[in-house]
């Protein structure tokens, strides 16, 4: 069963993070932060399959270091949001090339829709983790890229009421399903919550960076066990729903019998009813008359 995941997060200075450090870590590169002088060197990090930087159509593609240093320089406040991140689960049912094409095509969609730069990093599953966990990190600038400069903020992604975050989630589901269909695979994903789909499944819990790192090293945790149990239950419910849908489809394909007319129903009832008269010539049945008393006046007793 294909797994769906699409989350939209922010990289904020208020939590001690920077766009340069996040990009260097996700892409396994060395980036010098020109604002602070810090050197973020993650070139020895493994697990990164492919990286790419995309700009909106018609814009020059900057280098990774240039892009994220520019993003840091554009923000002045100590609690500024310096980047957005979209984390995607790539369908394990697809081969590596199709997963890469899918992630890059979706990054292109985001870059052109919001006129931002998008930095893509594809990661393979951790050796000690779930081997289906192919995923991608798409870092987006919080400002539009115009004529090589970061300009106005993408405020539509800050307000849940605009529906843009839901658009991203739904667009990713549609992209995954199109890729699965193109590969002639029966699997599909759904961006809706369990509640919206009428599925009563236990929720997962947030792991956080510390527990996530422990799980990556192969250390089992209580929170990790809760999520693994919830995932198994969700997979079982999904399989049952698929079996139900397949059964309903087969039942719908069975030709329906024509309903019996009222006259036919009455005739059929007459043939099986124990009180119905059997076919045959009509007869006149009269009750037997009692024999006359030979001596009406006698009071004979034995």
C-alpha atoms as a PDB file:
ATOM      1  CA  UNK A   1       0.000   0.000   0.000  1.00  0.00           C
ATOM      2  CA  UNK A   2       1.440   3.386  -0.958  1.00  0.00           C
ATOM      3  CA  UNK A   3       2.093   5.691   2.000  1.00  0.00           C
ATOM      4  CA  UNK A   4       1.003   9.320   1.904  1.00  0.00           C
ATOM      5  CA  UNK A   5       2.874  12.074   3.701  1.00  0.00           C
ATOM      6  CA  UNK A   6       3.101  15.761   2.897  1.00  0.00           C
ATOM      7  CA  UNK A   7       3.890  18.281   5.607  1.00  0.00           C
ATOM      8  CA  UNK A   8       4.597  21.999   5.297  1.00  0.00           C
ATOM      9  CA  UNK A   9       6.970  23.378   7.931  1.00  0.00           C
ATOM     10  CA  UNK A  10       8.983  26.525   8.559  1.00  0.00           C
ATOM     11  CA  UNK A  11      12.637  27.198   9.343  1.00  0.00           C
ATOM     12  CA  UNK A  12      12.692  29.977  11.931  1.00  0.00           C
ATOM     13  CA  UNK A  13      15.413  31.817  13.784  1.00  0.00           C
ATOM     14  CA  UNK A  14      13.276  31.725  16.924  1.00  0.00           C
ATOM     15  CA  UNK A  15      14.099  28.012  17.254  1.00  0.00           C
ATOM     16  CA  UNK A  16      17.812  28.596  16.639  1.00  0.00           C
ATOM     17  CA  UNK A  17      17.759  27.454  13.019  1.00  0.00           C
ATOM     18  CA  UNK A  18      19.036  28.994   9.796  1.00  0.00           C
ATOM     19  CA  UNK A  19      18.330  28.442   6.115  1.00  0.00           C
ATOM     20  CA  UNK A  20      22.026  27.940   5.350  1.00  0.00           C
ATOM     21  CA  UNK A  21      22.422  25.186   7.949  1.00  0.00           C
ATOM     22  CA  UNK A  22      19.189  23.451   6.931  1.00  0.00           C
ATOM     23  CA  UNK A  23      20.111  23.465   3.230  1.00  0.00           C
ATOM     24  CA  UNK A  24      23.659  22.225   3.899  1.00  0.00           C
ATOM     25  CA  UNK A  25      22.376  19.373   6.060  1.00  0.00           C
ATOM     26  CA  UNK A  26      19.632  18.219   3.694  1.00  0.00           C
ATOM     27  CA  UNK A  27      21.860  18.379   0.618  1.00  0.00           C
ATOM     28  CA  UNK A  28      25.055  17.106   2.293  1.00  0.00           C
ATOM     29  CA  UNK A  29      27.025  20.187   1.262  1.00  0.00           C
ATOM     30  CA  UNK A  30      29.311  22.854   2.722  1.00  0.00           C
ATOM     31  CA  UNK A  31      27.788  26.317   3.028  1.00  0.00           C
ATOM     32  CA  UNK A  32      29.340  29.315   4.753  1.00  0.00           C
ATOM     33  CA  UNK A  33      26.791  31.603   6.399  1.00  0.00           C
ATOM     34  CA  UNK A  34      27.857  35.091   5.372  1.00  0.00           C
ATOM     35  CA  UNK A  35      25.705  36.717   8.054  1.00  0.00           C
ATOM     36  CA  UNK A  36      27.197  34.844  11.028  1.00  0.00           C
ATOM     37  CA  UNK A  37      30.430  33.449   9.596  1.00  0.00           C
ATOM     38  CA  UNK A  38      29.448  29.904  10.592  1.00  0.00           C
ATOM     39  CA  UNK A  39      30.575  27.027   8.387  1.00  0.00           C
ATOM     40  CA  UNK A  40      27.995  24.275   7.883  1.00  0.00           C
ATOM     41  CA  UNK A  41      29.819  21.283   6.440  1.00  0.00           C
ATOM     42  CA  UNK A  42      27.809  18.074   5.983  1.00  0.00           C
ATOM     43  CA  UNK A  43      29.671  16.634   3.016  1.00  0.00           C
ATOM     44  CA  UNK A  44      30.316  13.379   4.881  1.00  0.00           C
ATOM     45  CA  UNK A  45      26.629  12.810   5.475  1.00  0.00           C
ATOM     46  CA  UNK A  46      25.208   9.786   3.658  1.00  0.00           C
ATOM     47  CA  UNK A  47      21.769   8.935   2.373  1.00  0.00           C
ATOM     48  CA  UNK A  48      21.373  11.796  -0.096  1.00  0.00           C
ATOM     49  CA  UNK A  49      20.469  10.443  -3.531  1.00  0.00           C
ATOM     50  CA  UNK A  50      19.908  13.558  -5.606  1.00  0.00           C
ATOM     51  CA  UNK A  51      19.809  17.342  -5.190  1.00  0.00           C
ATOM     52  CA  UNK A  52      18.639  20.180  -7.441  1.00  0.00           C
ATOM     53  CA  UNK A  53      17.809  23.866  -7.192  1.00  0.00           C
ATOM     54  CA  UNK A  54      14.889  25.229  -9.209  1.00  0.00           C
ATOM     55  CA  UNK A  55      13.843  28.806  -9.921  1.00  0.00           C
ATOM     56  CA  UNK A  56      10.530  30.093 -11.312  1.00  0.00           C
ATOM     57  CA  UNK A  57      10.172  29.923 -15.082  1.00  0.00           C
ATOM     58  CA  UNK A  58      12.274  32.647 -16.696  1.00  0.00           C
ATOM     59  CA  UNK A  59      14.496  33.219 -13.649  1.00  0.00           C
ATOM     60  CA  UNK A  60      18.196  32.415 -13.330  1.00  0.00           C
ATOM     61  CA  UNK A  61      18.928  29.500 -11.022  1.00  0.00           C
ATOM     62  CA  UNK A  62      21.260  30.653  -8.222  1.00  0.00           C
ATOM     63  CA  UNK A  63      23.813  28.442  -6.516  1.00  0.00           C
ATOM     64  CA  UNK A  64      22.679  26.821  -3.267  1.00  0.00           C
ATOM     65  CA  UNK A  65      25.017  28.935  -1.117  1.00  0.00           C
ATOM     66  CA  UNK A  66      24.028  32.111  -2.952  1.00  0.00           C
ATOM     67  CA  UNK A  67      20.311  31.395  -2.598  1.00  0.00           C
ATOM     68  CA  UNK A  68      20.206  30.719   1.127  1.00  0.00           C
ATOM     69  CA  UNK A  69      22.642  33.462   2.061  1.00  0.00           C
ATOM     70  CA  UNK A  70      20.365  35.825   0.163  1.00  0.00           C
ATOM     71  CA  UNK A  71      17.388  34.432   2.084  1.00  0.00           C
ATOM     72  CA  UNK A  72      19.161  35.064   5.392  1.00  0.00           C
ATOM     73  CA  UNK A  73      20.172  38.597   4.374  1.00  0.00           C
ATOM     74  CA  UNK A  74      16.579  39.474   3.413  1.00  0.00           C
ATOM     75  CA  UNK A  75      15.321  38.989   6.984  1.00  0.00           C
ATOM     76  CA  UNK A  76      16.153  41.391   9.813  1.00  0.00           C
ATOM     77  CA  UNK A  77      14.205  40.187  12.831  1.00  0.00           C
ATOM     78  CA  UNK A  78      15.626  37.652  15.297  1.00  0.00           C
ATOM     79  CA  UNK A  79      12.478  35.526  15.028  1.00  0.00           C
ATOM     80  CA  UNK A  80      12.153  35.680  11.228  1.00  0.00           C
ATOM     81  CA  UNK A  81      11.009  32.685   9.199  1.00  0.00           C
ATOM     82  CA  UNK A  82      13.858  32.247   6.709  1.00  0.00           C
ATOM     83  CA  UNK A  83      12.595  29.245   4.727  1.00  0.00           C
ATOM     84  CA  UNK A  84       9.724  26.843   4.283  1.00  0.00           C
ATOM     85  CA  UNK A  85      10.097  23.103   3.974  1.00  0.00           C
ATOM     86  CA  UNK A  86       7.794  20.592   2.329  1.00  0.00           C
ATOM     87  CA  UNK A  87       8.555  17.008   3.354  1.00  0.00           C
ATOM     88  CA  UNK A  88       7.225  14.332   0.986  1.00  0.00           C
ATOM     89  CA  UNK A  89       6.975  10.555   1.229  1.00  0.00           C
ATOM     90  CA  UNK A  90       7.903   9.155  -2.187  1.00  0.00           C
ATOM     91  CA  UNK A  91       5.967   6.017  -3.221  1.00  0.00           C
ATOM     92  CA  UNK A  92       8.160   2.979  -2.575  1.00  0.00           C
ATOM     93  CA  UNK A  93       6.210   1.169  -5.305  1.00  0.00           C
ATOM     94  CA  UNK A  94       7.900   3.343  -7.958  1.00  0.00           C
ATOM     95  CA  UNK A  95      11.469   2.802  -9.133  1.00  0.00           C
ATOM     96  CA  UNK A  96      14.193   5.319  -8.342  1.00  0.00           C
ATOM     97  CA  UNK A  97      13.966   7.211 -11.604  1.00  0.00           C
ATOM     98  CA  UNK A  98      10.199   7.657 -11.371  1.00  0.00           C
ATOM     99  CA  UNK A  99      10.485   8.846  -7.761  1.00  0.00           C
ATOM    100  CA  UNK A 100      13.080  11.428  -8.778  1.00  0.00           C
ATOM    101  CA  UNK A 101      11.016  12.664 -11.714  1.00  0.00           C
ATOM    102  CA  UNK A 102       7.951  12.900  -9.473  1.00  0.00           C
ATOM    103  CA  UNK A 103       9.727  15.003  -6.830  1.00  0.00           C
ATOM    104  CA  UNK A 104      11.297  17.341  -9.393  1.00  0.00           C
ATOM    105  CA  UNK A 105       8.010  17.834 -11.233  1.00  0.00           C
ATOM    106  CA  UNK A 106       6.284  18.738  -7.975  1.00  0.00           C
ATOM    107  CA  UNK A 107       9.092  21.147  -7.060  1.00  0.00           C
ATOM    108  CA  UNK A 108       8.616  22.782 -10.456  1.00  0.00           C
ATOM    109  CA  UNK A 109       4.896  23.158  -9.713  1.00  0.00           C
ATOM    110  CA  UNK A 110       5.643  24.922  -6.416  1.00  0.00           C
ATOM    111  CA  UNK A 111       8.303  27.173  -7.943  1.00  0.00           C
ATOM    112  CA  UNK A 112       5.992  28.373 -10.703  1.00  0.00           C
ATOM    113  CA  UNK A 113       2.830  28.654  -8.599  1.00  0.00           C
ATOM    114  CA  UNK A 114       4.388  30.777  -5.843  1.00  0.00           C
ATOM    115  CA  UNK A 115       7.277  32.276  -7.858  1.00  0.00           C
ATOM    116  CA  UNK A 116       9.848  31.042  -5.343  1.00  0.00           C
ATOM    117  CA  UNK A 117      13.112  29.124  -5.511  1.00  0.00           C
ATOM    118  CA  UNK A 118      12.897  25.475  -4.448  1.00  0.00           C
ATOM    119  CA  UNK A 119      15.850  23.400  -3.235  1.00  0.00           C
ATOM    120  CA  UNK A 120      15.281  19.650  -3.609  1.00  0.00           C
ATOM    121  CA  UNK A 121      17.020  16.817  -1.732  1.00  0.00           C
ATOM    122  CA  UNK A 122      16.027  13.167  -2.192  1.00  0.00           C
ATOM    123  CA  UNK A 123      16.935  10.835   0.680  1.00  0.00           C
ATOM    124  CA  UNK A 124      17.027   7.052   0.783  1.00  0.00           C
ATOM    125  CA  UNK A 125      15.573   5.095   3.747  1.00  0.00           C
ATOM    126  CA  UNK A 126      17.735   4.708   6.832  1.00  0.00           C
ATOM    127  CA  UNK A 127      19.435   1.334   7.046  1.00  0.00           C
ATOM    128  CA  UNK A 128      17.860   0.563  10.421  1.00  0.00           C
ATOM    129  CA  UNK A 129      14.467   2.058   9.583  1.00  0.00           C
ATOM    130  CA  UNK A 130      11.511   1.327   7.346  1.00  0.00           C
ATOM    131  CA  UNK A 131      12.919   0.500   3.912  1.00  0.00           C
ATOM    132  CA  UNK A 132       9.865   2.031   2.269  1.00  0.00           C
ATOM    133  CA  UNK A 133      10.743   5.452   3.663  1.00  0.00           C
ATOM    134  CA  UNK A 134      11.945   7.093   0.450  1.00  0.00           C
ATOM    135  CA  UNK A 135      11.401  10.812   0.973  1.00  0.00           C
ATOM    136  CA  UNK A 136      12.237  14.272  -0.298  1.00  0.00           C
ATOM    137  CA  UNK A 137      12.875  17.626   1.354  1.00  0.00           C
ATOM    138  CA  UNK A 138      11.791  20.662  -0.656  1.00  0.00           C
ATOM    139  CA  UNK A 139      13.073  23.907   0.856  1.00  0.00           C
ATOM    140  CA  UNK A 140      11.288  27.004  -0.451  1.00  0.00           C
ATOM    141  CA  UNK A 141      12.185  30.647  -0.087  1.00  0.00           C
ATOM    142  CA  UNK A 142       9.661  32.672   1.886  1.00  0.00           C
ATOM    143  CA  UNK A 143       9.967  35.498  -0.652  1.00  0.00           C
ATOM    144  CA  UNK A 144       9.326  35.537  -4.382  1.00  0.00           C
ATOM    145  CA  UNK A 145      12.340  35.419  -6.691  1.00  0.00           C
ATOM    146  CA  UNK A 146      12.114  38.216  -9.253  1.00  0.00           C
ATOM    147  CA  UNK A 147      14.975  39.402 -11.480  1.00  0.00           C
ATOM    148  CA  UNK A 148      17.448  37.579  -9.278  1.00  0.00           C
ATOM    149  CA  UNK A 149      16.228  39.228  -6.059  1.00  0.00           C
ATOM    150  CA  UNK A 150      14.030  38.007  -3.218  1.00  0.00           C
ATOM    151  CA  UNK A 151      11.115  40.406  -3.024  1.00  0.00           C
ATOM    152  CA  UNK A 152       7.685  40.218  -1.344  1.00  0.00           C
ATOM    153  CA  UNK A 153       6.696  37.553   1.176  1.00  0.00           C
ATOM    154  CA  UNK A 154       4.473  34.633   0.173  1.00  0.00           C
ATOM    155  CA  UNK A 155       1.826  35.561   2.721  1.00  0.00           C
ATOM    156  CA  UNK A 156      -0.740  33.175   1.226  1.00  0.00           C
ATOM    157  CA  UNK A 157       1.219  30.298   2.749  1.00  0.00           C
ATOM    158  CA  UNK A 158       1.154  31.885   6.204  1.00  0.00           C
ATOM    159  CA  UNK A 159      -2.643  31.965   6.436  1.00  0.00           C
ATOM    160  CA  UNK A 160      -4.482  28.645   6.687  1.00  0.00           C
ATOM    161  CA  UNK A 161      -7.685  30.331   5.508  1.00  0.00           C
ATOM    162  CA  UNK A 162      -6.294  30.781   1.978  1.00  0.00           C
ATOM    163  CA  UNK A 163      -6.367  27.027   1.435  1.00  0.00           C
ATOM    164  CA  UNK A 164      -2.897  27.025  -0.151  1.00  0.00           C
ATOM    165  CA  UNK A 165      -1.437  24.501   2.278  1.00  0.00           C
ATOM    166  CA  UNK A 166      -4.375  22.192   1.560  1.00  0.00           C
ATOM    167  CA  UNK A 167      -3.733  22.754  -2.146  1.00  0.00           C
ATOM    168  CA  UNK A 168      -0.153  21.561  -1.710  1.00  0.00           C
ATOM    169  CA  UNK A 169      -1.306  18.427   0.107  1.00  0.00           C
ATOM    170  CA  UNK A 170      -3.970  17.629  -2.483  1.00  0.00           C
ATOM    171  CA  UNK A 171      -1.661  18.425  -5.404  1.00  0.00           C
ATOM    172  CA  UNK A 172       0.920  15.996  -4.024  1.00  0.00           C
ATOM    173  CA  UNK A 173      -1.685  13.242  -3.717  1.00  0.00           C
ATOM    174  CA  UNK A 174      -2.787  13.861  -7.300  1.00  0.00           C
ATOM    175  CA  UNK A 175       0.820  13.808  -8.525  1.00  0.00           C
ATOM    176  CA  UNK A 176       1.518  10.527  -6.713  1.00  0.00           C
ATOM    177  CA  UNK A 177      -1.613   8.876  -8.076  1.00  0.00           C
ATOM    178  CA  UNK A 178      -0.816  10.017 -11.614  1.00  0.00           C
ATOM    179  CA  UNK A 179       2.684   8.551 -11.318  1.00  0.00           C
ATOM    180  CA  UNK A 180       1.345   5.271  -9.918  1.00  0.00           C
ATOM    181  CA  UNK A 181      -1.203   5.052 -12.711  1.00  0.00           C
ATOM    182  CA  UNK A 182       1.452   5.795 -15.341  1.00  0.00           C
ATOM    183  CA  UNK A 183       3.509   2.922 -13.903  1.00  0.00           C
ATOM    184  CA  UNK A 184       0.392   0.694 -14.146  1.00  0.00           C
ATOM    185  CA  UNK A 185       0.318   0.106 -10.415  1.00  0.00           C
ATOM    186  CA  UNK A 186      -2.979  -0.341  -8.511  1.00  0.00           C
ATOM    187  CA  UNK A 187      -1.835   1.568  -5.417  1.00  0.00           C
ATOM    188  CA  UNK A 188      -3.264   4.999  -4.647  1.00  0.00           C
ATOM    189  CA  UNK A 189      -2.880   7.607  -1.885  1.00  0.00           C
ATOM    190  CA  UNK A 190      -5.359   9.976  -0.260  1.00  0.00           C
ATOM    191  CA  UNK A 191      -4.500  13.358   1.244  1.00  0.00           C
ATOM    192  CA  UNK A 192      -7.574  13.471   3.472  1.00  0.00           C
ATOM    193  CA  UNK A 193      -7.397  12.760   7.185  1.00  0.00           C
ATOM    194  CA  UNK A 194      -8.697   9.505   8.634  1.00  0.00           C
ATOM    195  CA  UNK A 195     -11.675  11.346  10.099  1.00  0.00           C
ATOM    196  CA  UNK A 196     -12.549  12.911   6.751  1.00  0.00           C
ATOM    197  CA  UNK A 197     -12.502   9.453   5.167  1.00  0.00           C
ATOM    198  CA  UNK A 198     -14.574   7.924   7.955  1.00  0.00           C
ATOM    199  CA  UNK A 199     -11.672   5.812   9.237  1.00  0.00           C
ATOM    200  CA  UNK A 200     -11.376   5.293  12.973  1.00  0.00           C
ATOM    201  CA  UNK A 201      -7.636   4.750  13.310  1.00  0.00           C
ATOM    202  CA  UNK A 202      -5.343   5.665  16.211  1.00  0.00           C
ATOM    203  CA  UNK A 203      -3.413   8.896  15.640  1.00  0.00           C
ATOM    204  CA  UNK A 204       0.356   9.089  15.496  1.00  0.00           C
ATOM    205  CA  UNK A 205       2.434  11.204  17.869  1.00  0.00           C
ATOM    206  CA  UNK A 206       5.110  13.781  17.137  1.00  0.00           C
ATOM    207  CA  UNK A 207       8.574  12.332  17.657  1.00  0.00           C
ATOM    208  CA  UNK A 208      10.711  15.453  17.695  1.00  0.00           C
ATOM    209  CA  UNK A 209      14.357  15.677  16.563  1.00  0.00           C
ATOM    210  CA  UNK A 210      15.866  13.766  19.522  1.00  0.00           C
ATOM    211  CA  UNK A 211      13.619  10.695  19.288  1.00  0.00           C
ATOM    212  CA  UNK A 212      13.780  10.784  15.482  1.00  0.00           C
ATOM    213  CA  UNK A 213      17.570  10.609  15.638  1.00  0.00           C
ATOM    214  CA  UNK A 214      17.385   7.714  18.137  1.00  0.00           C
ATOM    215  CA  UNK A 215      15.027   5.828  15.840  1.00  0.00           C
ATOM    216  CA  UNK A 216      17.386   6.417  12.918  1.00  0.00           C
ATOM    217  CA  UNK A 217      20.193   4.826  14.919  1.00  0.00           C
ATOM    218  CA  UNK A 218      18.007   1.775  15.493  1.00  0.00           C
ATOM    219  CA  UNK A 219      17.018   2.595  19.096  1.00  0.00           C
ATOM    220  CA  UNK A 220      13.382   1.666  19.669  1.00  0.00           C
ATOM    221  CA  UNK A 221      11.362   4.186  21.643  1.00  0.00           C
ATOM    222  CA  UNK A 222       7.889   4.195  23.175  1.00  0.00           C
ATOM    223  CA  UNK A 223       6.770   6.977  20.839  1.00  0.00           C
ATOM    224  CA  UNK A 224       8.201   5.125  17.857  1.00  0.00           C
ATOM    225  CA  UNK A 225       6.288   1.983  18.888  1.00  0.00           C
ATOM    226  CA  UNK A 226       3.052   3.993  19.100  1.00  0.00           C
ATOM    227  CA  UNK A 227       3.526   5.226  15.550  1.00  0.00           C
ATOM    228  CA  UNK A 228       4.478   1.792  14.231  1.00  0.00           C
ATOM    229  CA  UNK A 229       1.365   0.290  15.832  1.00  0.00           C
ATOM    230  CA  UNK A 230      -0.820   3.067  14.432  1.00  0.00           C
ATOM    231  CA  UNK A 231       0.681   2.540  10.972  1.00  0.00           C
ATOM    232  CA  UNK A 232      -0.037  -1.211  11.066  1.00  0.00           C
ATOM    233  CA  UNK A 233      -3.638  -0.593  12.103  1.00  0.00           C
ATOM    234  CA  UNK A 234      -4.039   2.030   9.392  1.00  0.00           C
ATOM    235  CA  UNK A 235      -2.657  -0.362   6.768  1.00  0.00           C
ATOM    236  CA  UNK A 236      -5.049  -3.092   7.921  1.00  0.00           C
ATOM    237  CA  UNK A 237      -8.039  -0.740   7.764  1.00  0.00           C
ATOM    238  CA  UNK A 238      -6.969   0.405   4.315  1.00  0.00           C
ATOM    239  CA  UNK A 239      -6.755  -3.199   3.079  1.00  0.00           C
ATOM    240  CA  UNK A 240     -10.213  -3.935   4.471  1.00  0.00           C
ATOM    241  CA  UNK A 241     -11.606  -0.858   2.720  1.00  0.00           C
ATOM    242  CA  UNK A 242      -9.992  -1.961  -0.535  1.00  0.00           C
ATOM    243  CA  UNK A 243     -11.500  -5.453  -0.128  1.00  0.00           C
ATOM    244  CA  UNK A 244     -14.903  -3.889   0.547  1.00  0.00           C
ATOM    245  CA  UNK A 245     -14.643  -1.695  -2.548  1.00  0.00           C
ATOM    246  CA  UNK A 246     -13.610  -4.688  -4.685  1.00  0.00           C
ATOM    247  CA  UNK A 247     -16.531  -6.736  -3.356  1.00  0.00           C
ATOM    248  CA  UNK A 248     -18.988  -3.927  -4.041  1.00  0.00           C
ATOM    249  CA  UNK A 249     -17.632  -3.651  -7.561  1.00  0.00           C
ATOM    250  CA  UNK A 250     -18.130  -7.383  -8.163  1.00  0.00           C
ATOM    251  CA  UNK A 251     -21.639  -7.281  -6.743  1.00  0.00           C
ATOM    252  CA  UNK A 252     -22.509  -4.335  -8.959  1.00  0.00           C
ATOM    253  CA  UNK A 253     -21.402  -6.333 -12.008  1.00  0.00           C
ATOM    254  CA  UNK A 254     -23.858  -9.177 -11.278  1.00  0.00           C
ATOM    255  CA  UNK A 255     -26.984  -8.827 -13.460  1.00  0.00           C
ATOM    256  CA  UNK A 256     -29.993  -7.896 -11.409  1.00  0.00           C
ATOM    257  CA  UNK A 257     -33.125 -10.076 -11.620  1.00  0.00           C
ATOM    258  CA  UNK A 258     -36.277  -8.419 -12.874  1.00  0.00           C
ATOM    259  CA  UNK A 259     -38.807  -7.871 -10.056  1.00  0.00           C
ATOM    260  CA  UNK A 260     -41.887 -10.136 -10.252  1.00  0.00           C
ATOM    261  CA  UNK A 261     -45.161  -8.466 -11.195  1.00  0.00           C
ATOM    262  CA  UNK A 262     -47.909  -8.407  -8.520  1.00  0.00           C
ATOM    263  CA  UNK A 263     -50.055 -10.848 -10.524  1.00  0.00           C
ATOM    264  CA  UNK A 264     -47.160 -13.283 -10.724  1.00  0.00           C
ATOM    265  CA  UNK A 265     -46.564 -13.022  -6.993  1.00  0.00           C
ATOM    266  CA  UNK A 266     -50.226 -13.828  -6.281  1.00  0.00           C
ATOM    267  CA  UNK A 267     -50.129 -16.777  -8.660  1.00  0.00           C
ATOM    268  CA  UNK A 268     -46.936 -18.105  -7.100  1.00  0.00           C
ATOM    269  CA  UNK A 269     -48.446 -17.806  -3.642  1.00  0.00           C
ATOM    270  CA  UNK A 270     -51.552 -19.688  -4.762  1.00  0.00           C
ATOM    271  CA  UNK A 271     -49.457 -22.611  -5.961  1.00  0.00           C
ATOM    272  CA  UNK A 272     -47.652 -23.098  -2.654  1.00  0.00           C
ATOM    273  CA  UNK A 273     -50.348 -22.131  -0.149  1.00  0.00           C
ATOM    274  CA  UNK A 274     -51.777 -25.129   1.777  1.00  0.00           C
ATOM    275  CA  UNK A 275     -55.131 -23.357   1.829  1.00  0.00           C
ATOM    276  CA  UNK A 276     -55.313 -22.892  -1.919  1.00  0.00           C
ATOM    277  CA  UNK A 277     -57.533 -25.086  -4.032  1.00  0.00           C
ATOM    278  CA  UNK A 278     -55.685 -27.419  -6.324  1.00  0.00           C
ATOM    279  CA  UNK A 279     -56.414 -27.310 -10.037  1.00  0.00           C
ATOM    280  CA  UNK A 280     -59.241 -29.556 -11.116  1.00  0.00           C
ATOM    281  CA  UNK A 281     -62.989 -29.631 -11.847  1.00  0.00           C
ATOM    282  CA  UNK A 282     -65.105 -27.768  -9.353  1.00  0.00           C
ATOM    283  CA  UNK A 283     -66.992 -29.941  -6.903  1.00  0.00           C
ATOM    284  CA  UNK A 284     -69.950 -29.280  -4.654  1.00  0.00           C
ATOM    285  CA  UNK A 285     -69.289 -30.536  -1.177  1.00  0.00           C
ATOM    286  CA  UNK A 286     -72.303 -30.815   1.118  1.00  0.00           C
ATOM    287  CA  UNK A 287     -72.241 -31.763   4.810  1.00  0.00           C
ATOM    288  CA  UNK A 288     -73.723 -35.169   5.688  1.00  0.00           C
ATOM    289  CA  UNK A 289     -77.231 -35.062   7.198  1.00  0.00           C
ATOM    290  CA  UNK A 290     -77.712 -36.983  10.450  1.00  0.00           C
ATOM    291  CA  UNK A 291     -79.822 -40.195  10.326  1.00  0.00           C
ATOM    292  CA  UNK A 292     -83.410 -39.725  11.603  1.00  0.00           C
ATOM    293  CA  UNK A 293     -84.159 -40.933  15.147  1.00  0.00           C
ATOM    294  CA  UNK A 294     -86.460 -44.008  14.919  1.00  0.00           C
ATOM    295  CA  UNK A 295     -88.220 -43.232  18.181  1.00  0.00           C
ATOM    296  CA  UNK A 296     -88.061 -39.529  18.939  1.00  0.00           C
ATOM    297  CA  UNK A 297     -90.167 -39.914  22.100  1.00  0.00           C
ATOM    298  CA  UNK A 298     -88.221 -42.670  23.808  1.00  0.00           C
ATOM    299  CA  UNK A 299     -85.708 -41.951  26.514  1.00  0.00           C
ATOM    300  CA  UNK A 300     -83.505 -44.935  25.901  1.00  0.00           C
ATOM    301  CA  UNK A 301     -80.411 -45.348  27.952  1.00  0.00           C
ATOM    302  CA  UNK A 302     -78.151 -48.364  28.155  1.00  0.00           C
END
